[in-house]
C-alpha atoms as a PDB file:
ATOM      1  CA  MET A   1       2.518 -31.206  66.442  1.00  0.00           C
ATOM      2  CA  ARG A   2      -0.453 -28.913  65.904  1.00  0.00           C
ATOM      3  CA  THR A   3      -0.184 -25.352  66.246  1.00  0.00           C
ATOM      4  CA  ALA A   4      -2.119 -23.421  68.716  1.00  0.00           C
ATOM      5  CA  MET A   5      -4.239 -22.010  65.249  1.00  0.00           C
ATOM      6  CA  ALA A   6      -4.845 -25.717  64.591  1.00  0.00           C
ATOM      7  CA  ARG A   7      -6.142 -26.259  68.173  1.00  0.00           C
ATOM      8  CA  ALA A   8      -8.351 -22.920  67.714  1.00  0.00           C
ATOM      9  CA  TYR A   9     -10.126 -23.999  64.411  1.00  0.00           C
ATOM     10  CA  ASN A  10     -13.573 -25.067  64.824  1.00  0.00           C
ATOM     11  CA  GLY A  11     -14.069 -26.809  61.630  1.00  0.00           C
ATOM     12  CA  ALA A  12     -17.210 -24.648  60.543  1.00  0.00           C
ATOM     13  CA  MET A  13     -15.211 -24.645  57.311  1.00  0.00           C
ATOM     14  CA  GLU A  14     -15.638 -27.741  54.758  1.00  0.00           C
ATOM     15  CA  GLN A  15     -14.777 -26.604  51.578  1.00  0.00           C
ATOM     16  CA  LEU A  16     -12.024 -23.585  50.136  1.00  0.00           C
ATOM     17  CA  LEU A  17     -11.382 -22.643  46.975  1.00  0.00           C
ATOM     18  CA  LEU A  18      -7.767 -21.426  46.008  1.00  0.00           C
ATOM     19  CA  LEU A  19      -7.367 -19.555  42.742  1.00  0.00           C
ATOM     20  CA  GLY A  20      -3.564 -19.594  42.045  1.00  0.00           C
ATOM     21  CA  GLY A  21      -3.030 -22.301  44.263  1.00  0.00           C
ATOM     22  CA  THR A  22      -0.130 -24.041  42.077  1.00  0.00           C
ATOM     23  CA  GLY A  23       1.812 -20.901  42.106  1.00  0.00           C
ATOM     24  CA  PHE A  24       5.034 -20.396  44.434  1.00  0.00           C
ATOM     25  CA  VAL A  25       2.570 -18.830  47.455  1.00  0.00           C
ATOM     26  CA  GLY A  26      -0.251 -21.242  46.619  1.00  0.00           C
ATOM     27  CA  ARG A  27       2.005 -24.276  47.428  1.00  0.00           C
ATOM     28  CA  ASN A  28       2.986 -22.972  50.583  1.00  0.00           C
ATOM     29  CA  VAL A  29      -0.859 -22.088  51.456  1.00  0.00           C
ATOM     30  CA  CYS A  30      -1.963 -25.416  50.689  1.00  0.00           C
ATOM     31  CA  GLU A  31       0.985 -26.817  52.840  1.00  0.00           C
ATOM     32  CA  ALA A  32      -0.167 -24.602  55.813  1.00  0.00           C
ATOM     33  CA  LEU A  33      -3.649 -25.399  55.641  1.00  0.00           C
ATOM     34  CA  ALA A  34      -2.751 -29.217  55.477  1.00  0.00           C
ATOM     35  CA  ARG A  35      -0.860 -28.473  59.025  1.00  0.00           C
ATOM     36  CA  THR A  36      -3.881 -26.402  60.375  1.00  0.00           C
ATOM     37  CA  ALA A  37      -7.005 -27.666  59.260  1.00  0.00           C
ATOM     38  CA  PRO A  38      -6.187 -31.321  57.595  1.00  0.00           C
ATOM     39  CA  ALA A  39      -9.712 -31.674  57.239  1.00  0.00           C
ATOM     40  CA  LEU A  40     -10.582 -28.910  55.197  1.00  0.00           C
ATOM     41  CA  ARG A  41     -11.127 -29.604  51.339  1.00  0.00           C
ATOM     42  CA  VAL A  42      -9.127 -27.169  49.271  1.00  0.00           C
ATOM     43  CA  VAL A  43     -10.134 -26.851  45.144  1.00  0.00           C
ATOM     44  CA  VAL A  44      -7.441 -25.732  43.170  1.00  0.00           C
ATOM     45  CA  PRO A  45      -8.193 -25.069  39.841  1.00  0.00           C
ATOM     46  CA  SER A  46      -5.606 -24.697  36.900  1.00  0.00           C
ATOM     47  CA  ARG A  47      -5.498 -25.263  33.220  1.00  0.00           C
ATOM     48  CA  ARG A  48      -2.623 -27.658  33.441  1.00  0.00           C
ATOM     49  CA  PRO A  49      -3.229 -29.656  37.061  1.00  0.00           C
ATOM     50  CA  GLU A  50      -0.434 -32.064  35.518  1.00  0.00           C
ATOM     51  CA  ARG A  51       1.684 -29.404  36.822  1.00  0.00           C
ATOM     52  CA  ALA A  52       0.798 -29.195  40.390  1.00  0.00           C
ATOM     53  CA  LYS A  53       2.705 -32.395  41.494  1.00  0.00           C
ATOM     54  CA  ARG A  54       4.146 -30.769  44.424  1.00  0.00           C
ATOM     55  CA  LEU A  55       0.551 -30.966  45.567  1.00  0.00           C
ATOM     56  CA  ALA A  56      -0.212 -34.283  45.283  1.00  0.00           C
ATOM     57  CA  PRO A  57       1.352 -35.407  48.545  1.00  0.00           C
ATOM     58  CA  LEU A  58      -1.684 -33.329  50.413  1.00  0.00           C
ATOM     59  CA  PRO A  59      -4.782 -35.531  50.502  1.00  0.00           C
ATOM     60  CA  ALA A  60      -7.227 -33.049  51.015  1.00  0.00           C
ATOM     61  CA  VAL A  61      -5.863 -30.831  48.412  1.00  0.00           C
ATOM     62  CA  ARG A  62      -8.046 -31.413  44.683  1.00  0.00           C
ATOM     63  CA  THR A  63      -6.792 -29.808  41.692  1.00  0.00           C
ATOM     64  CA  VAL A  64      -9.196 -29.896  38.763  1.00  0.00           C
ATOM     65  CA  ARG A  65      -9.131 -28.792  35.241  1.00  0.00           C
ATOM     66  CA  ALA A  66     -10.380 -25.538  34.625  1.00  0.00           C
ATOM     67  CA  ASP A  67     -10.076 -21.855  33.481  1.00  0.00           C
ATOM     68  CA  VAL A  68     -10.997 -19.408  36.180  1.00  0.00           C
ATOM     69  CA  HIS A  69     -11.413 -16.304  33.722  1.00  0.00           C
ATOM     70  CA  ASP A  70     -14.236 -18.133  32.497  1.00  0.00           C
ATOM     71  CA  GLU A  71     -17.370 -17.019  34.495  1.00  0.00           C
ATOM     72  CA  THR A  72     -19.400 -20.447  33.935  1.00  0.00           C
ATOM     73  CA  GLN A  73     -16.533 -22.304  34.888  1.00  0.00           C
ATOM     74  CA  LEU A  74     -15.781 -20.062  38.222  1.00  0.00           C
ATOM     75  CA  GLU A  75     -19.223 -19.847  39.437  1.00  0.00           C
ATOM     76  CA  ALA A  76     -19.210 -23.790  39.291  1.00  0.00           C
ATOM     77  CA  LEU A  77     -16.121 -24.200  40.851  1.00  0.00           C
ATOM     78  CA  LEU A  78     -17.772 -22.090  43.916  1.00  0.00           C
ATOM     79  CA  ASP A  79     -20.117 -25.183  44.234  1.00  0.00           C
ATOM     80  CA  GLY A  80     -19.704 -26.448  47.964  1.00  0.00           C
ATOM     81  CA  CYS A  81     -17.466 -23.879  49.095  1.00  0.00           C
ATOM     82  CA  ASP A  82     -17.436 -21.518  51.999  1.00  0.00           C
ATOM     83  CA  ALA A  83     -14.611 -19.197  51.391  1.00  0.00           C
ATOM     84  CA  VAL A  84     -12.179 -18.378  48.435  1.00  0.00           C
ATOM     85  CA  VAL A  85      -8.632 -17.027  48.278  1.00  0.00           C
ATOM     86  CA  ASN A  86      -7.637 -15.318  44.929  1.00  0.00           C
ATOM     87  CA  LEU A  87      -3.575 -15.229  44.948  1.00  0.00           C
ATOM     88  CA  VAL A  88      -3.513 -15.029  40.716  1.00  0.00           C
ATOM     89  CA  ALA A  89      -1.192 -12.061  39.599  1.00  0.00           C
ATOM     90  CA  ILE A  90       0.920 -11.118  36.568  1.00  0.00           C
ATOM     91  CA  LEU A  91       4.137  -8.933  37.059  1.00  0.00           C
ATOM     92  CA  HIS A  92       4.975  -8.535  33.505  1.00  0.00           C
ATOM     93  CA  GLY A  93       2.291  -7.927  30.418  1.00  0.00           C
ATOM     94  CA  SER A  94       0.389  -5.492  28.687  1.00  0.00           C
ATOM     95  CA  ALA A  95      -2.160  -2.878  29.933  1.00  0.00           C
ATOM     96  CA  ALA A  96      -5.162  -5.412  28.753  1.00  0.00           C
ATOM     97  CA  ALA A  97      -3.005  -8.398  30.417  1.00  0.00           C
ATOM     98  CA  PHE A  98      -3.192  -6.477  33.843  1.00  0.00           C
ATOM     99  CA  GLU A  99      -6.470  -5.248  33.281  1.00  0.00           C
ATOM    100  CA  ARG A 100      -7.743  -9.037  32.801  1.00  0.00           C
ATOM    101  CA  THR A 101      -6.093 -10.633  35.882  1.00  0.00           C
ATOM    102  CA  HIS A 102      -5.915  -7.754  38.464  1.00  0.00           C
ATOM    103  CA  VAL A 103      -9.154  -6.055  37.554  1.00  0.00           C
ATOM    104  CA  GLU A 104     -11.625  -8.237  35.354  1.00  0.00           C
ATOM    105  CA  LEU A 105     -10.866 -11.571  37.406  1.00  0.00           C
ATOM    106  CA  PRO A 106     -11.907 -10.079  40.276  1.00  0.00           C
ATOM    107  CA  ARG A 107     -14.956  -8.688  39.096  1.00  0.00           C
ATOM    108  CA  LYS A 108     -15.836 -12.112  37.809  1.00  0.00           C
ATOM    109  CA  LEU A 109     -14.834 -13.495  41.195  1.00  0.00           C
ATOM    110  CA  ALA A 110     -17.376 -11.268  43.001  1.00  0.00           C
ATOM    111  CA  ASN A 111     -20.174 -11.657  40.356  1.00  0.00           C
ATOM    112  CA  ALA A 112     -19.606 -15.561  40.776  1.00  0.00           C
ATOM    113  CA  CYS A 113     -19.741 -15.276  44.794  1.00  0.00           C
ATOM    114  CA  ARG A 114     -23.023 -13.270  45.010  1.00  0.00           C
ATOM    115  CA  ALA A 115     -24.362 -15.903  42.634  1.00  0.00           C
ATOM    116  CA  ARG A 116     -23.425 -19.175  44.669  1.00  0.00           C
ATOM    117  CA  GLY A 117     -23.950 -17.238  47.826  1.00  0.00           C
ATOM    118  CA  VAL A 118     -20.121 -17.342  48.976  1.00  0.00           C
ATOM    119  CA  THR A 119     -19.286 -13.781  51.009  1.00  0.00           C
ATOM    120  CA  ARG A 120     -15.939 -14.974  52.421  1.00  0.00           C
ATOM    121  CA  LEU A 121     -12.924 -13.812  50.285  1.00  0.00           C
ATOM    122  CA  VAL A 122      -9.400 -13.060  51.029  1.00  0.00           C
ATOM    123  CA  HIS A 123      -7.511 -11.409  48.226  1.00  0.00           C
ATOM    124  CA  VAL A 124      -3.821 -10.872  47.833  1.00  0.00           C
ATOM    125  CA  SER A 125      -2.697  -7.657  46.545  1.00  0.00           C
ATOM    126  CA  ALA A 126       0.474  -5.782  46.823  1.00  0.00           C
ATOM    127  CA  LEU A 127       1.905  -2.908  48.653  1.00  0.00           C
ATOM    128  CA  GLY A 128       1.669   0.258  47.033  1.00  0.00           C
ATOM    129  CA  ALA A 129      -1.452  -0.817  45.261  1.00  0.00           C
ATOM    130  CA  ASP A 130      -3.297   2.435  43.802  1.00  0.00           C
ATOM    131  CA  ALA A 131      -5.792   3.127  41.196  1.00  0.00           C
ATOM    132  CA  ASN A 132      -3.614   6.522  40.711  1.00  0.00           C
ATOM    133  CA  GLY A 133      -0.015   4.817  41.130  1.00  0.00           C
ATOM    134  CA  PRO A 134       3.088   4.911  38.623  1.00  0.00           C
ATOM    135  CA  SER A 135       2.681   1.694  36.881  1.00  0.00           C
ATOM    136  CA  ARG A 136       0.259  -0.656  35.114  1.00  0.00           C
ATOM    137  CA  TYR A 137       0.797  -3.161  37.960  1.00  0.00           C
ATOM    138  CA  LEU A 138       0.001  -1.191  40.676  1.00  0.00           C
ATOM    139  CA  ARG A 139      -2.937   0.687  39.147  1.00  0.00           C
ATOM    140  CA  SER A 140      -4.390  -2.193  37.948  1.00  0.00           C
ATOM    141  CA  LYS A 141      -3.783  -3.502  41.589  1.00  0.00           C
ATOM    142  CA  GLY A 142      -5.765  -0.806  43.029  1.00  0.00           C
ATOM    143  CA  ARG A 143      -8.497  -0.965  40.844  1.00  0.00           C
ATOM    144  CA  GLY A 144      -9.223  -4.514  41.603  1.00  0.00           C
ATOM    145  CA  GLU A 145      -9.100  -3.957  45.289  1.00  0.00           C
ATOM    146  CA  THR A 146     -11.825  -1.400  44.520  1.00  0.00           C
ATOM    147  CA  VAL A 147     -14.054  -3.638  42.788  1.00  0.00           C
ATOM    148  CA  LEU A 148     -13.833  -6.053  45.805  1.00  0.00           C
ATOM    149  CA  GLN A 149     -14.341  -3.658  48.335  1.00  0.00           C
ATOM    150  CA  ASP A 150     -17.640  -2.518  46.261  1.00  0.00           C
ATOM    151  CA  ALA A 151     -19.055  -5.989  45.920  1.00  0.00           C
ATOM    152  CA  GLY A 152     -20.369  -6.318  49.515  1.00  0.00           C
ATOM    153  CA  LEU A 153     -18.289  -9.595  50.414  1.00  0.00           C
ATOM    154  CA  GLN A 154     -16.889 -10.081  53.716  1.00  0.00           C
ATOM    155  CA  LEU A 155     -13.286  -9.079  52.404  1.00  0.00           C
ATOM    156  CA  THR A 156      -9.887  -9.192  53.802  1.00  0.00           C
ATOM    157  CA  ILE A 157      -6.818  -7.787  51.584  1.00  0.00           C
ATOM    158  CA  LEU A 158      -3.540  -8.875  52.124  1.00  0.00           C
ATOM    159  CA  ARG A 159      -0.740  -6.649  50.506  1.00  0.00           C
ATOM    160  CA  PRO A 160       2.681  -8.220  50.533  1.00  0.00           C
ATOM    161  CA  SER A 161       6.066  -6.592  49.844  1.00  0.00           C
ATOM    162  CA  VAL A 162       8.201  -8.502  47.316  1.00  0.00           C
ATOM    163  CA  ILE A 163       8.198 -12.538  48.487  1.00  0.00           C
ATOM    164  CA  PHE A 164      11.055 -14.409  49.020  1.00  0.00           C
ATOM    165  CA  GLY A 165      11.789 -18.146  49.696  1.00  0.00           C
ATOM    166  CA  ALA A 166      13.456 -21.382  48.183  1.00  0.00           C
ATOM    167  CA  ASP A 167      11.353 -21.285  45.307  1.00  0.00           C
ATOM    168  CA  ASP A 168      11.327 -17.598  44.496  1.00  0.00           C
ATOM    169  CA  ARG A 169      12.204 -15.563  41.212  1.00  0.00           C
ATOM    170  CA  PHE A 170      13.928 -12.782  43.085  1.00  0.00           C
ATOM    171  CA  LEU A 171      16.621 -13.543  45.062  1.00  0.00           C
ATOM    172  CA  ASN A 172      17.165 -16.518  43.101  1.00  0.00           C
ATOM    173  CA  LEU A 173      17.333 -14.775  39.929  1.00  0.00           C
ATOM    174  CA  PHE A 174      20.067 -12.259  41.449  1.00  0.00           C
ATOM    175  CA  ALA A 175      22.117 -15.482  42.577  1.00  0.00           C
ATOM    176  CA  ARG A 176      21.749 -17.028  38.855  1.00  0.00           C
ATOM    177  CA  LEU A 177      22.932 -13.649  37.071  1.00  0.00           C
ATOM    178  CA  GLN A 178      26.053 -13.461  39.606  1.00  0.00           C
ATOM    179  CA  ALA A 179      26.697 -17.271  39.035  1.00  0.00           C
ATOM    180  CA  PHE A 180      27.217 -16.424  35.177  1.00  0.00           C
ATOM    181  CA  PHE A 181      28.329 -12.964  34.829  1.00  0.00           C
ATOM    182  CA  PRO A 182      31.404 -11.133  36.203  1.00  0.00           C
ATOM    183  CA  VAL A 183      29.281  -7.886  37.058  1.00  0.00           C
ATOM    184  CA  LEU A 184      25.774  -7.050  37.778  1.00  0.00           C
ATOM    185  CA  PRO A 185      24.277  -3.804  36.173  1.00  0.00           C
ATOM    186  CA  LEU A 186      21.356  -3.244  37.585  1.00  0.00           C
ATOM    187  CA  ALA A 187      18.593  -0.678  37.447  1.00  0.00           C
ATOM    188  CA  GLY A 188      16.421   0.685  40.204  1.00  0.00           C
ATOM    189  CA  ALA A 189      19.635  -0.249  42.434  1.00  0.00           C
ATOM    190  CA  LYS A 190      18.559   2.652  45.414  1.00  0.00           C
ATOM    191  CA  SER A 191      14.406   1.437  45.224  1.00  0.00           C
ATOM    192  CA  LEU A 192      13.650   0.360  48.737  1.00  0.00           C
ATOM    193  CA  PHE A 193      11.838  -3.185  49.859  1.00  0.00           C
ATOM    194  CA  GLN A 194      10.653  -5.017  52.804  1.00  0.00           C
ATOM    195  CA  PRO A 195      10.838  -8.474  51.745  1.00  0.00           C
ATOM    196  CA  VAL A 196       8.672 -11.075  53.576  1.00  0.00           C
ATOM    197  CA  TRP A 197       9.002 -14.564  53.857  1.00  0.00           C
ATOM    198  CA  VAL A 198       6.790 -17.053  52.188  1.00  0.00           C
ATOM    199  CA  GLY A 199       6.000 -18.888  54.779  1.00  0.00           C
ATOM    200  CA  ASP A 200       4.590 -15.777  56.687  1.00  0.00           C
ATOM    201  CA  VAL A 201       2.574 -14.557  53.944  1.00  0.00           C
ATOM    202  CA  ALA A 202       1.114 -18.168  53.507  1.00  0.00           C
ATOM    203  CA  GLU A 203       0.629 -18.271  57.636  1.00  0.00           C
ATOM    204  CA  ALA A 204      -1.282 -14.708  57.722  1.00  0.00           C
ATOM    205  CA  ILE A 205      -3.464 -16.073  54.411  1.00  0.00           C
ATOM    206  CA  VAL A 206      -4.923 -19.344  56.711  1.00  0.00           C
ATOM    207  CA  ARG A 207      -5.185 -17.141  59.844  1.00  0.00           C
ATOM    208  CA  CYS A 208      -7.856 -14.622  58.033  1.00  0.00           C
ATOM    209  CA  VAL A 209      -9.566 -17.382  56.413  1.00  0.00           C
ATOM    210  CA  LEU A 210      -9.847 -19.770  59.735  1.00  0.00           C
ATOM    211  CA  ASN A 211      -9.362 -17.594  62.836  1.00  0.00           C
ATOM    212  CA  GLY A 212     -12.710 -17.218  64.746  1.00  0.00           C
ATOM    213  CA  ASP A 213     -15.435 -17.571  63.116  1.00  0.00           C
ATOM    214  CA  GLY A 214     -14.840 -18.419  59.544  1.00  0.00           C
ATOM    215  CA  GLY A 215     -12.227 -15.424  59.751  1.00  0.00           C
ATOM    216  CA  ARG A 216     -14.652 -12.683  60.088  1.00  0.00           C
ATOM    217  CA  SER A 217     -12.629 -11.171  62.737  1.00  0.00           C
ATOM    218  CA  THR A 218     -10.286  -9.917  59.850  1.00  0.00           C
ATOM    219  CA  THR A 219     -13.343  -8.894  57.614  1.00  0.00           C
ATOM    220  CA  GLY A 220     -12.573  -5.320  56.451  1.00  0.00           C
ATOM    221  CA  PHE A 221      -9.209  -5.445  57.088  1.00  0.00           C
ATOM    222  CA  ILE A 222      -6.276  -4.504  54.956  1.00  0.00           C
ATOM    223  CA  VAL A 223      -2.998  -5.963  56.077  1.00  0.00           C
ATOM    224  CA  GLU A 224       0.245  -4.728  54.965  1.00  0.00           C
ATOM    225  CA  CYS A 225       2.480  -7.975  54.653  1.00  0.00           C
ATOM    226  CA  ALA A 226       6.360  -6.814  55.189  1.00  0.00           C
ATOM    227  CA  GLY A 227       9.519  -8.386  56.984  1.00  0.00           C
ATOM    228  CA  PRO A 228      11.449  -6.674  59.775  1.00  0.00           C
ATOM    229  CA  GLN A 229      14.357  -5.290  57.535  1.00  0.00           C
ATOM    230  CA  VAL A 230      14.299  -2.686  54.916  1.00  0.00           C
ATOM    231  CA  PHE A 231      16.667  -3.004  51.879  1.00  0.00           C
ATOM    232  CA  THR A 232      17.693  -1.389  48.752  1.00  0.00           C
ATOM    233  CA  LEU A 233      17.402  -3.442  45.626  1.00  0.00           C
ATOM    234  CA  ALA A 234      21.304  -3.198  45.357  1.00  0.00           C
ATOM    235  CA  GLU A 235      21.794  -4.592  48.797  1.00  0.00           C
ATOM    236  CA  LEU A 236      19.378  -7.382  48.306  1.00  0.00           C
ATOM    237  CA  ALA A 237      21.210  -8.107  44.767  1.00  0.00           C
ATOM    238  CA  ARG A 238      24.643  -8.059  46.986  1.00  0.00           C
ATOM    239  CA  ARG A 239      23.259 -10.443  49.606  1.00  0.00           C
ATOM    240  CA  ALA A 240      22.281 -13.204  46.914  1.00  0.00           C
ATOM    241  CA  GLY A 241      25.254 -13.147  45.439  1.00  0.00           C
ATOM    242  CA  ARG A 242      27.213 -13.391  48.772  1.00  0.00           C
ATOM    243  CA  TRP A 243      24.903 -15.968  50.168  1.00  0.00           C
ATOM    244  CA  SER A 244      24.892 -18.291  46.749  1.00  0.00           C
ATOM    245  CA  GLY A 245      28.920 -18.054  46.541  1.00  0.00           C
ATOM    246  CA  HIS A 246      29.090 -16.095  43.473  1.00  0.00           C
ATOM    247  CA  PRO A 247      29.535 -12.143  44.958  1.00  0.00           C
ATOM    248  CA  ARG A 248      30.146  -9.800  42.044  1.00  0.00           C
ATOM    249  CA  PRO A 249      30.130  -6.211  41.669  1.00  0.00           C
ATOM    250  CA  VAL A 250      26.738  -4.515  41.670  1.00  0.00           C
ATOM    251  CA  VAL A 251      26.799  -1.176  39.650  1.00  0.00           C
ATOM    252  CA  ALA A 252      23.906   0.994  39.467  1.00  0.00           C
ATOM    253  CA  LEU A 253      22.451   2.273  36.542  1.00  0.00           C
ATOM    254  CA  PRO A 254      21.165   5.813  35.522  1.00  0.00           C
ATOM    255  CA  ASP A 255      17.351   6.011  35.007  1.00  0.00           C
ATOM    256  CA  ALA A 256      18.000   6.299  31.594  1.00  0.00           C
ATOM    257  CA  LEU A 257      20.135   3.588  30.981  1.00  0.00           C
ATOM    258  CA  GLY A 258      18.074   1.365  33.297  1.00  0.00           C
ATOM    259  CA  ARG A 259      15.023   1.984  30.910  1.00  0.00           C
ATOM    260  CA  LEU A 260      17.011   1.257  27.739  1.00  0.00           C
ATOM    261  CA  GLN A 261      18.102  -2.021  29.538  1.00  0.00           C
ATOM    262  CA  ALA A 262      14.558  -2.911  30.696  1.00  0.00           C
ATOM    263  CA  LEU A 263      13.194  -2.226  26.861  1.00  0.00           C
ATOM    264  CA  ALA A 264      16.149  -4.621  25.663  1.00  0.00           C
ATOM    265  CA  MET A 265      14.680  -7.301  28.171  1.00  0.00           C
ATOM    266  CA  GLU A 266      11.284  -7.073  27.134  1.00  0.00           C
ATOM    267  CA  LEU A 267      12.160  -7.693  23.444  1.00  0.00           C
ATOM    268  CA  VAL A 268      13.770 -11.092  24.422  1.00  0.00           C
ATOM    269  CA  PRO A 269      11.406 -13.964  23.826  1.00  0.00           C
ATOM    270  CA  GLY A 270       9.527 -15.277  27.503  1.00  0.00           C
ATOM    271  CA  GLU A 271       9.072 -13.385  30.350  1.00  0.00           C
ATOM    272  CA  PRO A 272      11.355 -10.558  30.769  1.00  0.00           C
ATOM    273  CA  LEU A 273      13.746 -10.328  33.975  1.00  0.00           C
ATOM    274  CA  MET A 274      12.868  -6.481  34.105  1.00  0.00           C
ATOM    275  CA  SER A 275      10.386  -4.405  32.507  1.00  0.00           C
ATOM    276  CA  ARG A 276       9.892  -0.489  32.515  1.00  0.00           C
ATOM    277  CA  ASP A 277       6.576  -1.183  34.006  1.00  0.00           C
ATOM    278  CA  ASN A 278       8.648  -3.027  37.120  1.00  0.00           C
ATOM    279  CA  LEU A 279      10.737   0.303  37.118  1.00  0.00           C
ATOM    280  CA  ASP A 280       7.923   2.720  37.287  1.00  0.00           C
ATOM    281  CA  SER A 281       6.306   0.292  40.269  1.00  0.00           C
ATOM    282  CA  MET A 282       9.962   0.690  41.941  1.00  0.00           C
ATOM    283  CA  ARG A 283       9.348   4.652  41.934  1.00  0.00           C
ATOM    284  CA  VAL A 284       7.105   3.786  45.394  1.00  0.00           C
ATOM    285  CA  ASP A 285       9.158   2.539  47.772  1.00  0.00           C
ATOM    286  CA  ASN A 286       8.018  -1.156  48.432  1.00  0.00           C
ATOM    287  CA  VAL A 287       7.454  -0.993  52.481  1.00  0.00           C
ATOM    288  CA  ALA A 288       4.843  -0.990  54.959  1.00  0.00           C
ATOM    289  CA  SER A 289       3.596   2.421  55.463  1.00  0.00           C
ATOM    290  CA  GLY A 290       3.155   1.671  59.100  1.00  0.00           C
ATOM    291  CA  THR A 291      -0.646   2.976  59.120  1.00  0.00           C
ATOM    292  CA  LEU A 292      -2.322  -0.260  58.534  1.00  0.00           C
ATOM    293  CA  PRO A 293      -2.504  -3.829  60.144  1.00  0.00           C
ATOM    294  CA  GLY A 294       0.801  -5.779  59.949  1.00  0.00           C
ATOM    295  CA  LEU A 295       1.728  -9.468  60.375  1.00  0.00           C
ATOM    296  CA  ALA A 296       1.844  -8.682  64.274  1.00  0.00           C
ATOM    297  CA  ALA A 297      -1.900  -8.040  64.424  1.00  0.00           C
ATOM    298  CA  LEU A 298      -2.454 -11.748  63.092  1.00  0.00           C
ATOM    299  CA  GLY A 299      -0.143 -12.777  65.728  1.00  0.00           C
ATOM    300  CA  ILE A 300       2.701 -13.610  63.505  1.00  0.00           C
ATOM    301  CA  GLU A 301       6.298 -12.716  64.274  1.00  0.00           C
ATOM    302  CA  ALA A 302       7.906 -11.955  60.665  1.00  0.00           C
ATOM    303  CA  HIS A 303      10.966 -13.919  59.762  1.00  0.00           C
ATOM    304  CA  SER A 304      13.995 -11.703  58.841  1.00  0.00           C
ATOM    305  CA  LEU A 305      15.636 -12.341  55.585  1.00  0.00           C
ATOM    306  CA  ASP A 306      19.030 -12.951  56.988  1.00  0.00           C
ATOM    307  CA  SER A 307      17.330 -15.827  59.076  1.00  0.00           C
ATOM    308  CA  ILE A 308      16.001 -17.765  56.004  1.00  0.00           C
ATOM    309  CA  ALA A 309      17.332 -16.892  52.646  1.00  0.00           C
ATOM    310  CA  PRO A 310      20.823 -17.762  53.062  1.00  0.00           C
ATOM    311  CA  GLY A 311      20.101 -21.619  53.798  1.00  0.00           C
ATOM    312  CA  TYR A 312      18.251 -22.107  50.294  1.00  0.00           C
ATOM    313  CA  LEU A 313      20.506 -19.479  48.529  1.00  0.00           C
ATOM    314  CA  ARG A 314      23.463 -21.672  49.741  1.00  0.00           C
ATOM    315  CA  ARG A 315      22.235 -24.737  48.024  1.00  0.00           C
ATOM    316  CA  ARG A 316      22.451 -23.336  44.601  1.00  0.00           C
END
């Protein structure tokens, strides 16, 4: 059944470039677009498009091999596109990696948009983004926003809290850890979060892109995407353990010990479970300010964590 949003969509937009479309949020955006605007062609670049198997059943989605950090390739990807959604982000890395992903890529994207005459951009940032924030992640996110705001584009910025869903690396991580360990030592246990369901974030992106005349009704908006409930990190970890059937004691670590734990995790090969920069980010509560539009401004009633997460964690 087509949604009211689908009935309202006038089909003026023909092709969309979706950066980061093979990731957790991106896959949900592709599925939401397929439901709402099935005729809209969606171009999803990836350096490894063979990994985008879950997008294969969506006939309007085309994955192409490309490096979006290459300015020439990025500009070519914009051929025939009416709008762009940027989801590319990292949670861990060096200062140079954050700068490359969160600041330089938006700058390259803005330049490419101007060169190809594409004016409409929806950019996904993060709650707490601030050029003067306490972490490299938040500072780079804030600078990336500024780059795009100064570019003269028809820009909408979405700032989500931590995003949960069936394939998340957040609650699922807590569930896995408690399945294997008798106790969960936790840094930043008192930090506050307002987790938002990935389906609601995807719907928000779609509404910003398609609503009204090419999404222009949200041009200039900064939208805070947050759920209806606020939790401490410890409360979220306990819920993940209980819902997955492996409840364990959660032990809050003092700040100094938490940073030592994060340092040890950074030294392990691969992406760390927690970094010191993550802890720095958690010095700012990851909750909506209430001074900016939220999901309700887009006509979305946010789903609660308690109504969604038990269903997918119970299957673990």
